[in-house]
Amino acid sequence: MLPIKIQSIDLIDDQISVLFENTWFQEDILALSQLLLNKIPNHSIKETTIGADREDIRFLWANAELMLNFDYYSQSCWFSAQDEISTTQIQPLYGVLTNHV
């Protein structure tokens, strides 16, 4: 894999979309998730779910339960809230992520 670089991070409704400069493969998801999660202070990973072409990482941050999602076939990466209450932390999370890009 080429060096990992983030092309853009965008807030779209109640989700944060992440685009990478290069095409990535499912085996790159660990490195991609570390790149993103390292930007988020004081988070704790609760669970990682691995599927055929998708991986989801559930984590806690700022009293919210959030998800970092990857879909290999569509080259999609996004953050979402696990529940309605956690949706209030999407905007602050976007601020944390974009201050480090």
PDB file of N, CA and C in Angstrom:
ATOM      1  N   MET A   1       0.837  -1.185   0.000  1.00  0.00           N
ATOM      2  CA  MET A   1       0.000   0.000   0.000  1.00  0.00           C
ATOM      3  C   MET A   1       0.874   1.237   0.000  1.00  0.00           C
ATOM      4  N   LEU A   2       0.452   2.233  -0.736  1.00  0.00           N
ATOM      5  CA  LEU A   2       1.141   3.515  -0.754  1.00  0.00           C
ATOM      6  C   LEU A   2       0.949   4.204   0.589  1.00  0.00           C
ATOM      7  N   PRO A   3       1.743   5.224   0.890  1.00  0.00           N
ATOM      8  CA  PRO A   3       1.530   5.945   2.151  1.00  0.00           C
ATOM      9  C   PRO A   3       0.075   6.418   2.258  1.00  0.00           C
ATOM     10  N   ILE A   4      -0.453   6.320   3.452  1.00  0.00           N
ATOM     11  CA  ILE A   4      -1.849   6.663   3.682  1.00  0.00           C
ATOM     12  C   ILE A   4      -1.982   8.175   3.812  1.00  0.00           C
ATOM     13  N   LYS A   5      -2.844   8.759   2.984  1.00  0.00           N
ATOM     14  CA  LYS A   5      -3.120  10.187   3.085  1.00  0.00           C
ATOM     15  C   LYS A   5      -4.618  10.404   2.991  1.00  0.00           C
ATOM     16  N   ILE A   6      -5.102  11.291   3.831  1.00  0.00           N
ATOM     17  CA  ILE A   6      -6.515  11.644   3.815  1.00  0.00           C
ATOM     18  C   ILE A   6      -6.723  12.740   2.781  1.00  0.00           C
ATOM     19  N   GLN A   7      -7.679  12.530   1.903  1.00  0.00           N
ATOM     20  CA  GLN A   7      -8.015  13.537   0.895  1.00  0.00           C
ATOM     21  C   GLN A   7      -8.989  14.567   1.470  1.00  0.00           C
ATOM     22  N   SER A   8     -10.022  14.085   2.170  1.00  0.00           N
ATOM     23  CA  SER A   8     -10.996  15.012   2.752  1.00  0.00           C
ATOM     24  C   SER A   8     -11.769  14.342   3.877  1.00  0.00           C
ATOM     25  N   ILE A   9     -12.264  15.192   4.773  1.00  0.00           N
ATOM     26  CA  ILE A   9     -13.162  14.772   5.843  1.00  0.00           C
ATOM     27  C   ILE A   9     -14.335  15.742   5.796  1.00  0.00           C
ATOM     28  N   ASP A  10     -15.539  15.216   5.596  1.00  0.00           N
ATOM     29  CA  ASP A  10     -16.716  16.066   5.415  1.00  0.00           C
ATOM     30  C   ASP A  10     -17.841  15.650   6.347  1.00  0.00           C
ATOM     31  N   LEU A  11     -18.517  16.645   6.892  1.00  0.00           N
ATOM     32  CA  LEU A  11     -19.701  16.415   7.711  1.00  0.00           C
ATOM     33  C   LEU A  11     -20.922  16.449   6.797  1.00  0.00           C
ATOM     34  N   ILE A  12     -21.634  15.335   6.727  1.00  0.00           N
ATOM     35  CA  ILE A  12     -22.824  15.224   5.881  1.00  0.00           C
ATOM     36  C   ILE A  12     -23.965  14.726   6.767  1.00  0.00           C
ATOM     37  N   ASP A  13     -24.885  15.627   7.067  1.00  0.00           N
ATOM     38  CA  ASP A  13     -25.992  15.329   7.979  1.00  0.00           C
ATOM     39  C   ASP A  13     -25.426  14.857   9.317  1.00  0.00           C
ATOM     40  N   ASP A  14     -25.738  13.641   9.730  1.00  0.00           N
ATOM     41  CA  ASP A  14     -25.266  13.123  11.019  1.00  0.00           C
ATOM     42  C   ASP A  14     -24.133  12.117  10.858  1.00  0.00           C
ATOM     43  N   GLN A  15     -23.389  12.222   9.759  1.00  0.00           N
ATOM     44  CA  GLN A  15     -22.254  11.333   9.522  1.00  0.00           C
ATOM     45  C   GLN A  15     -21.041  12.143   9.087  1.00  0.00           C
ATOM     46  N   ILE A  16     -19.878  11.549   9.292  1.00  0.00           N
ATOM     47  CA  ILE A  16     -18.621  12.147   8.847  1.00  0.00           C
ATOM     48  C   ILE A  16     -18.035  11.224   7.793  1.00  0.00           C
ATOM     49  N   SER A  17     -17.892  11.735   6.599  1.00  0.00           N
ATOM     50  CA  SER A  17     -17.356  10.958   5.479  1.00  0.00           C
ATOM     51  C   SER A  17     -15.857  11.226   5.341  1.00  0.00           C
ATOM     52  N   VAL A  18     -15.087  10.165   5.123  1.00  0.00           N
ATOM     53  CA  VAL A  18     -13.636  10.280   4.964  1.00  0.00           C
ATOM     54  C   VAL A  18     -13.245   9.705   3.610  1.00  0.00           C
ATOM     55  N   LEU A  19     -12.495  10.480   2.843  1.00  0.00           N
ATOM     56  CA  LEU A  19     -11.954  10.002   1.569  1.00  0.00           C
ATOM     57  C   LEU A  19     -10.442   9.945   1.674  1.00  0.00           C
ATOM     58  N   PHE A  20      -9.871   8.879   1.131  1.00  0.00           N
ATOM     59  CA  PHE A  20      -8.424   8.718   1.102  1.00  0.00           C
ATOM     60  C   PHE A  20      -7.931   8.984  -0.314  1.00  0.00           C
ATOM     61  N   GLU A  21      -6.685   9.439  -0.439  1.00  0.00           N
ATOM     62  CA  GLU A  21      -6.141   9.796  -1.748  1.00  0.00           C
ATOM     63  C   GLU A  21      -5.976   8.596  -2.666  1.00  0.00           C
ATOM     64  N   ASN A  22      -5.668   7.444  -2.102  1.00  0.00           N
ATOM     65  CA  ASN A  22      -5.401   6.255  -2.912  1.00  0.00           C
ATOM     66  C   ASN A  22      -6.448   5.177  -2.672  1.00  0.00           C
ATOM     67  N   THR A  23      -6.589   4.289  -3.638  1.00  0.00           N
ATOM     68  CA  THR A  23      -7.430   3.113  -3.467  1.00  0.00           C
ATOM     69  C   THR A  23      -6.835   2.258  -2.352  1.00  0.00           C
ATOM     70  N   TRP A  24      -7.683   1.695  -1.515  1.00  0.00           N
ATOM     71  CA  TRP A  24      -7.215   0.857  -0.418  1.00  0.00           C
ATOM     72  C   TRP A  24      -7.910  -0.505  -0.491  1.00  0.00           C
ATOM     73  N   PHE A  25      -7.324  -1.447   0.234  1.00  0.00           N
ATOM     74  CA  PHE A  25      -7.823  -2.815   0.254  1.00  0.00           C
ATOM     75  C   PHE A  25      -8.279  -3.166   1.665  1.00  0.00           C
ATOM     76  N   GLN A  26      -9.030  -4.238   1.788  1.00  0.00           N
ATOM     77  CA  GLN A  26      -9.544  -4.608   3.103  1.00  0.00           C
ATOM     78  C   GLN A  26      -8.410  -4.844   4.103  1.00  0.00           C
ATOM     79  N   GLU A  27      -7.299  -5.369   3.641  1.00  0.00           N
ATOM     80  CA  GLU A  27      -6.182  -5.600   4.566  1.00  0.00           C
ATOM     81  C   GLU A  27      -5.528  -4.298   5.030  1.00  0.00           C
ATOM     82  N   ASP A  28      -5.881  -3.169   4.425  1.00  0.00           N
ATOM     83  CA  ASP A  28      -5.363  -1.860   4.838  1.00  0.00           C
ATOM     84  C   ASP A  28      -6.208  -1.214   5.928  1.00  0.00           C
ATOM     85  N   ILE A  29      -7.356  -1.780   6.235  1.00  0.00           N
ATOM     86  CA  ILE A  29      -8.287  -1.135   7.156  1.00  0.00           C
ATOM     87  C   ILE A  29      -7.681  -0.927   8.536  1.00  0.00           C
ATOM     88  N   LEU A  30      -6.877  -1.831   9.023  1.00  0.00           N
ATOM     89  CA  LEU A  30      -6.252  -1.644  10.333  1.00  0.00           C
ATOM     90  C   LEU A  30      -5.423  -0.364  10.347  1.00  0.00           C
ATOM     91  N   ALA A  31      -4.588  -0.159   9.343  1.00  0.00           N
ATOM     92  CA  ALA A  31      -3.762   1.051   9.280  1.00  0.00           C
ATOM     93  C   ALA A  31      -4.622   2.298   9.097  1.00  0.00           C
ATOM     94  N   LEU A  32      -5.657   2.209   8.274  1.00  0.00           N
ATOM     95  CA  LEU A  32      -6.544   3.354   8.054  1.00  0.00           C
ATOM     96  C   LEU A  32      -7.281   3.723   9.337  1.00  0.00           C
ATOM     97  N   SER A  33      -7.767   2.722  10.043  1.00  0.00           N
ATOM     98  CA  SER A  33      -8.492   3.003  11.288  1.00  0.00           C
ATOM     99  C   SER A  33      -7.561   3.589  12.340  1.00  0.00           C
ATOM    100  N   GLN A  34      -6.328   3.109  12.403  1.00  0.00           N
ATOM    101  CA  GLN A  34      -5.374   3.673  13.358  1.00  0.00           C
ATOM    102  C   GLN A  34      -5.064   5.129  13.033  1.00  0.00           C
ATOM    103  N   LEU A  35      -4.926   5.440  11.755  1.00  0.00           N
ATOM    104  CA  LEU A  35      -4.681   6.818  11.335  1.00  0.00           C
ATOM    105  C   LEU A  35      -5.797   7.734  11.836  1.00  0.00           C
ATOM    106  N   LEU A  36      -7.029   7.305  11.690  1.00  0.00           N
ATOM    107  CA  LEU A  36      -8.164   8.125  12.108  1.00  0.00           C
ATOM    108  C   LEU A  36      -8.357   8.127  13.622  1.00  0.00           C
ATOM    109  N   LEU A  37      -8.313   6.966  14.239  1.00  0.00           N
ATOM    110  CA  LEU A  37      -8.559   6.895  15.682  1.00  0.00           C
ATOM    111  C   LEU A  37      -7.457   7.569  16.492  1.00  0.00           C
ATOM    112  N   ASN A  38      -6.239   7.627  15.961  1.00  0.00           N
ATOM    113  CA  ASN A  38      -5.159   8.326  16.659  1.00  0.00           C
ATOM    114  C   ASN A  38      -5.422   9.821  16.776  1.00  0.00           C
ATOM    115  N   LYS A  39      -6.329  10.357  15.980  1.00  0.00           N
ATOM    116  CA  LYS A  39      -6.689  11.765  16.043  1.00  0.00           C
ATOM    117  C   LYS A  39      -7.696  12.056  17.162  1.00  0.00           C
ATOM    118  N   ILE A  40      -8.273  11.010  17.737  1.00  0.00           N
ATOM    119  CA  ILE A  40      -9.360  11.158  18.709  1.00  0.00           C
ATOM    120  C   ILE A  40      -8.822  10.841  20.104  1.00  0.00           C
ATOM    121  N   PRO A  41      -8.617  11.867  20.927  1.00  0.00           N
ATOM    122  CA  PRO A  41      -8.074  11.611  22.268  1.00  0.00           C
ATOM    123  C   PRO A  41      -9.102  10.913  23.161  1.00  0.00           C
ATOM    124  N   ASN A  42      -8.603  10.103  24.050  1.00  0.00           N
ATOM    125  CA  ASN A  42      -9.415   9.482  25.102  1.00  0.00           C
ATOM    126  C   ASN A  42     -10.584   8.647  24.587  1.00  0.00           C
ATOM    127  N   HIS A  43     -10.395   7.968  23.478  1.00  0.00           N
ATOM    128  CA  HIS A  43     -11.432   7.052  23.006  1.00  0.00           C
ATOM    129  C   HIS A  43     -11.090   5.639  23.481  1.00  0.00           C
ATOM    130  N   SER A  44     -12.079   4.787  23.508  1.00  0.00           N
ATOM    131  CA  SER A  44     -11.813   3.381  23.819  1.00  0.00           C
ATOM    132  C   SER A  44     -12.638   2.506  22.879  1.00  0.00           C
ATOM    133  N   ILE A  45     -11.969   1.545  22.289  1.00  0.00           N
ATOM    134  CA  ILE A  45     -12.623   0.642  21.346  1.00  0.00           C
ATOM    135  C   ILE A  45     -13.400  -0.416  22.123  1.00  0.00           C
ATOM    136  N   LYS A  46     -14.658  -0.596  21.753  1.00  0.00           N
ATOM    137  CA  LYS A  46     -15.511  -1.596  22.396  1.00  0.00           C
ATOM    138  C   LYS A  46     -15.579  -2.881  21.597  1.00  0.00           C
ATOM    139  N   GLU A  47     -15.595  -2.754  20.252  1.00  0.00           N
ATOM    140  CA  GLU A  47     -15.826  -3.944  19.438  1.00  0.00           C
ATOM    141  C   GLU A  47     -15.418  -3.669  17.994  1.00  0.00           C
ATOM    142  N   THR A  48     -14.885  -4.689  17.351  1.00  0.00           N
ATOM    143  CA  THR A  48     -14.609  -4.636  15.917  1.00  0.00           C
ATOM    144  C   THR A  48     -15.356  -5.784  15.257  1.00  0.00           C
ATOM    145  N   THR A  49     -16.121  -5.455  14.223  1.00  0.00           N
ATOM    146  CA  THR A  49     -16.885  -6.456  13.485  1.00  0.00           C
ATOM    147  C   THR A  49     -16.328  -6.527  12.073  1.00  0.00           C
ATOM    148  N   ILE A  50     -15.925  -7.731  11.662  1.00  0.00           N
ATOM    149  CA  ILE A  50     -15.327  -7.925  10.344  1.00  0.00           C
ATOM    150  C   ILE A  50     -16.273  -8.763   9.499  1.00  0.00           C
ATOM    151  N   GLY A  51     -16.623  -8.221   8.329  1.00  0.00           N
ATOM    152  CA  GLY A  51     -17.486  -8.936   7.394  1.00  0.00           C
ATOM    153  C   GLY A  51     -16.735  -9.235   6.115  1.00  0.00           C
ATOM    154  N   ALA A  52     -17.446  -9.700   5.118  1.00  0.00           N
ATOM    155  CA  ALA A  52     -16.825 -10.085   3.845  1.00  0.00           C
ATOM    156  C   ALA A  52     -16.150  -8.908   3.160  1.00  0.00           C
ATOM    157  N   ASP A  53     -16.789  -7.757   3.154  1.00  0.00           N
ATOM    158  CA  ASP A  53     -16.215  -6.584   2.486  1.00  0.00           C
ATOM    159  C   ASP A  53     -16.328  -5.332   3.338  1.00  0.00           C
ATOM    160  N   ARG A  54     -16.674  -5.515   4.610  1.00  0.00           N
ATOM    161  CA  ARG A  54     -16.934  -4.374   5.472  1.00  0.00           C
ATOM    162  C   ARG A  54     -16.373  -4.623   6.863  1.00  0.00           C
ATOM    163  N   GLU A  55     -15.892  -3.544   7.495  1.00  0.00           N
ATOM    164  CA  GLU A  55     -15.460  -3.612   8.885  1.00  0.00           C
ATOM    165  C   GLU A  55     -16.027  -2.423   9.629  1.00  0.00           C
ATOM    166  N   ASP A  56     -16.467  -2.673  10.859  1.00  0.00           N
ATOM    167  CA  ASP A  56     -17.036  -1.637  11.709  1.00  0.00           C
ATOM    168  C   ASP A  56     -16.323  -1.670  13.053  1.00  0.00           C
ATOM    169  N   ILE A  57     -15.956  -0.496  13.536  1.00  0.00           N
ATOM    170  CA  ILE A  57     -15.295  -0.374  14.832  1.00  0.00           C
ATOM    171  C   ILE A  57     -16.190   0.481  15.716  1.00  0.00           C
ATOM    172  N   ARG A  58     -16.679  -0.105  16.787  1.00  0.00           N
ATOM    173  CA  ARG A  58     -17.516   0.628  17.740  1.00  0.00           C
ATOM    174  C   ARG A  58     -16.614   1.130  18.850  1.00  0.00           C
ATOM    175  N   PHE A  59     -16.727   2.437  19.161  1.00  0.00           N
ATOM    176  CA  PHE A  59     -15.864   3.010  20.185  1.00  0.00           C
ATOM    177  C   PHE A  59     -16.617   4.039  21.018  1.00  0.00           C
ATOM    178  N   LEU A  60     -16.091   4.296  22.202  1.00  0.00           N
ATOM    179  CA  LEU A  60     -16.648   5.297  23.103  1.00  0.00           C
ATOM    180  C   LEU A  60     -15.772   6.536  23.060  1.00  0.00           C
ATOM    181  N   TRP A  61     -16.421   7.688  23.041  1.00  0.00           N
ATOM    182  CA  TRP A  61     -15.710   8.969  23.094  1.00  0.00           C
ATOM    183  C   TRP A  61     -16.684  10.034  23.574  1.00  0.00           C
ATOM    184  N   ALA A  62     -16.266  10.834  24.526  1.00  0.00           N
ATOM    185  CA  ALA A  62     -17.070  11.954  25.037  1.00  0.00           C
ATOM    186  C   ALA A  62     -18.489  11.500  25.407  1.00  0.00           C
ATOM    187  N   ASN A  63     -18.575  10.412  26.145  1.00  0.00           N
ATOM    188  CA  ASN A  63     -19.856   9.858  26.592  1.00  0.00           C
ATOM    189  C   ASN A  63     -20.789   9.472  25.450  1.00  0.00           C
ATOM    190  N   ALA A  64     -20.222   9.168  24.309  1.00  0.00           N
ATOM    191  CA  ALA A  64     -21.019   8.754  23.147  1.00  0.00           C
ATOM    192  C   ALA A  64     -20.497   7.424  22.621  1.00  0.00           C
ATOM    193  N   GLU A  65     -21.404   6.655  22.045  1.00  0.00           N
ATOM    194  CA  GLU A  65     -21.036   5.401  21.396  1.00  0.00           C
ATOM    195  C   GLU A  65     -21.081   5.638  19.891  1.00  0.00           C
ATOM    196  N   LEU A  66     -19.920   5.545  19.252  1.00  0.00           N
ATOM    197  CA  LEU A  66     -19.768   5.901  17.845  1.00  0.00           C
ATOM    198  C   LEU A  66     -19.231   4.726  17.046  1.00  0.00           C
ATOM    199  N   MET A  67     -19.381   4.823  15.732  1.00  0.00           N
ATOM    200  CA  MET A  67     -18.915   3.776  14.827  1.00  0.00           C
ATOM    201  C   MET A  67     -17.987   4.376  13.778  1.00  0.00           C
ATOM    202  N   LEU A  68     -16.912   3.658  13.496  1.00  0.00           N
ATOM    203  CA  LEU A  68     -16.062   3.945  12.344  1.00  0.00           C
ATOM    204  C   LEU A  68     -16.291   2.792  11.381  1.00  0.00           C
ATOM    205  N   ASN A  69     -16.800   3.106  10.199  1.00  0.00           N
ATOM    206  CA  ASN A  69     -17.225   2.092   9.235  1.00  0.00           C
ATOM    207  C   ASN A  69     -16.366   2.139   7.977  1.00  0.00           C
ATOM    208  N   PHE A  70     -16.035   0.967   7.466  1.00  0.00           N
ATOM    209  CA  PHE A  70     -15.299   0.842   6.206  1.00  0.00           C
ATOM    210  C   PHE A  70     -16.042  -0.135   5.306  1.00  0.00           C
ATOM    211  N   ASP A  71     -16.209   0.224   4.040  1.00  0.00           N
ATOM    212  CA  ASP A  71     -16.767  -0.676   3.039  1.00  0.00           C
ATOM    213  C   ASP A  71     -15.779  -0.720   1.884  1.00  0.00           C
ATOM    214  N   TYR A  72     -15.124  -1.857   1.718  1.00  0.00           N
ATOM    215  CA  TYR A  72     -14.058  -1.985   0.721  1.00  0.00           C
ATOM    216  C   TYR A  72     -14.563  -1.789  -0.704  1.00  0.00           C
ATOM    217  N   TYR A  73     -15.656  -2.443  -1.067  1.00  0.00           N
ATOM    218  CA  TYR A  73     -16.106  -2.408  -2.464  1.00  0.00           C
ATOM    219  C   TYR A  73     -16.481  -1.011  -2.929  1.00  0.00           C
ATOM    220  N   SER A  74     -17.074  -0.223  -2.068  1.00  0.00           N
ATOM    221  CA  SER A  74     -17.440   1.146  -2.451  1.00  0.00           C
ATOM    222  C   SER A  74     -16.361   2.158  -2.073  1.00  0.00           C
ATOM    223  N   GLN A  75     -15.265   1.673  -1.436  1.00  0.00           N
ATOM    224  CA  GLN A  75     -14.182   2.547  -0.979  1.00  0.00           C
ATOM    225  C   GLN A  75     -14.725   3.626  -0.039  1.00  0.00           C
ATOM    226  N   SER A  76     -15.691   3.244   0.786  1.00  0.00           N
ATOM    227  CA  SER A  76     -16.342   4.179   1.701  1.00  0.00           C
ATOM    228  C   SER A  76     -15.775   4.053   3.104  1.00  0.00           C
ATOM    229  N   CYS A  77     -15.657   5.203   3.746  1.00  0.00           N
ATOM    230  CA  CYS A  77     -15.259   5.252   5.147  1.00  0.00           C
ATOM    231  C   CYS A  77     -16.073   6.366   5.787  1.00  0.00           C
ATOM    232  N   TRP A  78     -16.703   6.076   6.930  1.00  0.00           N
ATOM    233  CA  TRP A  78     -17.504   7.100   7.584  1.00  0.00           C
ATOM    234  C   TRP A  78     -17.659   6.807   9.069  1.00  0.00           C
ATOM    235  N   PHE A  79     -17.872   7.885   9.801  1.00  0.00           N
ATOM    236  CA  PHE A  79     -18.194   7.815  11.220  1.00  0.00           C
ATOM    237  C   PHE A  79     -19.693   8.034  11.366  1.00  0.00           C
ATOM    238  N   SER A  80     -20.304   7.306  12.288  1.00  0.00           N
ATOM    239  CA  SER A  80     -21.724   7.482  12.576  1.00  0.00           C
ATOM    240  C   SER A  80     -21.947   7.247  14.065  1.00  0.00           C
ATOM    241  N   ALA A  81     -23.115   7.665  14.533  1.00  0.00           N
ATOM    242  CA  ALA A  81     -23.483   7.455  15.927  1.00  0.00           C
ATOM    243  C   ALA A  81     -24.179   6.109  16.066  1.00  0.00           C
ATOM    244  N   GLN A  82     -23.923   5.429  17.164  1.00  0.00           N
ATOM    245  CA  GLN A  82     -24.553   4.135  17.423  1.00  0.00           C
ATOM    246  C   GLN A  82     -26.017   4.311  17.832  1.00  0.00           C
ATOM    247  N   ASP A  83     -26.339   5.438  18.465  1.00  0.00           N
ATOM    248  CA  ASP A  83     -27.705   5.677  18.922  1.00  0.00           C
ATOM    249  C   ASP A  83     -28.031   7.165  18.801  1.00  0.00           C
ATOM    250  N   GLU A  84     -29.285   7.502  19.025  1.00  0.00           N
ATOM    251  CA  GLU A  84     -29.760   8.882  18.850  1.00  0.00           C
ATOM    252  C   GLU A  84     -29.045   9.857  19.789  1.00  0.00           C
ATOM    253  N   ILE A  85     -28.836   9.476  21.030  1.00  0.00           N
ATOM    254  CA  ILE A  85     -28.177  10.359  21.999  1.00  0.00           C
ATOM    255  C   ILE A  85     -26.746  10.660  21.563  1.00  0.00           C
ATOM    256  N   SER A  86     -26.054   9.671  21.028  1.00  0.00           N
ATOM    257  CA  SER A  86     -24.663   9.850  20.605  1.00  0.00           C
ATOM    258  C   SER A  86     -24.530  10.751  19.381  1.00  0.00           C
ATOM    259  N   THR A  87     -25.624  10.964  18.652  1.00  0.00           N
ATOM    260  CA  THR A  87     -25.597  11.819  17.468  1.00  0.00           C
ATOM    261  C   THR A  87     -25.122  13.228  17.812  1.00  0.00           C
ATOM    262  N   THR A  88     -25.359  13.667  19.041  1.00  0.00           N
ATOM    263  CA  THR A  88     -24.948  15.018  19.442  1.00  0.00           C
ATOM    264  C   THR A  88     -23.431  15.187  19.443  1.00  0.00           C
ATOM    265  N   GLN A  89     -22.683  14.093  19.438  1.00  0.00           N
ATOM    266  CA  GLN A  89     -21.222  14.181  19.462  1.00  0.00           C
ATOM    267  C   GLN A  89     -20.592  14.100  18.072  1.00  0.00           C
ATOM    268  N   ILE A  90     -21.391  13.963  17.023  1.00  0.00           N
ATOM    269  CA  ILE A  90     -20.832  13.900  15.666  1.00  0.00           C
ATOM    270  C   ILE A  90     -20.172  15.225  15.291  1.00  0.00           C
ATOM    271  N   GLN A  91     -20.829  16.345  15.556  1.00  0.00           N
ATOM    272  CA  GLN A  91     -20.257  17.663  15.238  1.00  0.00           C
ATOM    273  C   GLN A  91     -18.946  17.902  15.997  1.00  0.00           C
ATOM    274  N   PRO A  92     -18.887  17.668  17.322  1.00  0.00           N
ATOM    275  CA  PRO A  92     -17.606  17.818  18.022  1.00  0.00           C
ATOM    276  C   PRO A  92     -16.522  16.867  17.496  1.00  0.00           C
ATOM    277  N   LEU A  93     -16.913  15.645  17.132  1.00  0.00           N
ATOM    278  CA  LEU A  93     -15.945  14.699  16.578  1.00  0.00           C
ATOM    279  C   LEU A  93     -15.395  15.223  15.254  1.00  0.00           C
ATOM    280  N   TYR A  94     -16.255  15.776  14.430  1.00  0.00           N
ATOM    281  CA  TYR A  94     -15.813  16.381  13.165  1.00  0.00           C
ATOM    282  C   TYR A  94     -14.776  17.477  13.442  1.00  0.00           C
ATOM    283  N   GLY A  95     -15.016  18.292  14.449  1.00  0.00           N
ATOM    284  CA  GLY A  95     -14.057  19.333  14.822  1.00  0.00           C
ATOM    285  C   GLY A  95     -12.710  18.760  15.219  1.00  0.00           C
ATOM    286  N   VAL A  96     -12.727  17.689  15.994  1.00  0.00           N
ATOM    287  CA  VAL A  96     -11.475  17.042  16.412  1.00  0.00           C
ATOM    288  C   VAL A  96     -10.737  16.477  15.199  1.00  0.00           C
ATOM    289  N   LEU A  97     -11.452  15.801  14.331  1.00  0.00           N
ATOM    290  CA  LEU A  97     -10.821  15.180  13.160  1.00  0.00           C
ATOM    291  C   LEU A  97     -10.256  16.215  12.191  1.00  0.00           C
ATOM    292  N   THR A  98     -10.953  17.306  11.971  1.00  0.00           N
ATOM    293  CA  THR A  98     -10.501  18.287  10.981  1.00  0.00           C
ATOM    294  C   THR A  98      -9.432  19.223  11.518  1.00  0.00           C
ATOM    295  N   ASN A  99      -9.281  19.325  12.811  1.00  0.00           N
ATOM    296  CA  ASN A  99      -8.190  20.131  13.369  1.00  0.00           C
ATOM    297  C   ASN A  99      -6.843  19.465  13.173  1.00  0.00           C
ATOM    298  N   HIS A 100      -6.849  18.174  12.842  1.00  0.00           N
ATOM    299  CA  HIS A 100      -5.602  17.427  12.707  1.00  0.00           C
ATOM    300  C   HIS A 100      -5.283  17.051  11.269  1.00  0.00           C
ATOM    301  N   VAL A 101      -6.108  17.463  10.323  1.00  0.00           N
ATOM    302  CA  VAL A 101      -5.862  17.090   8.918  1.00  0.00           C
ATOM    303  C   VAL A 101      -4.754  17.956   8.361  1.00  0.00           C
TER     304      VAL A 101
END
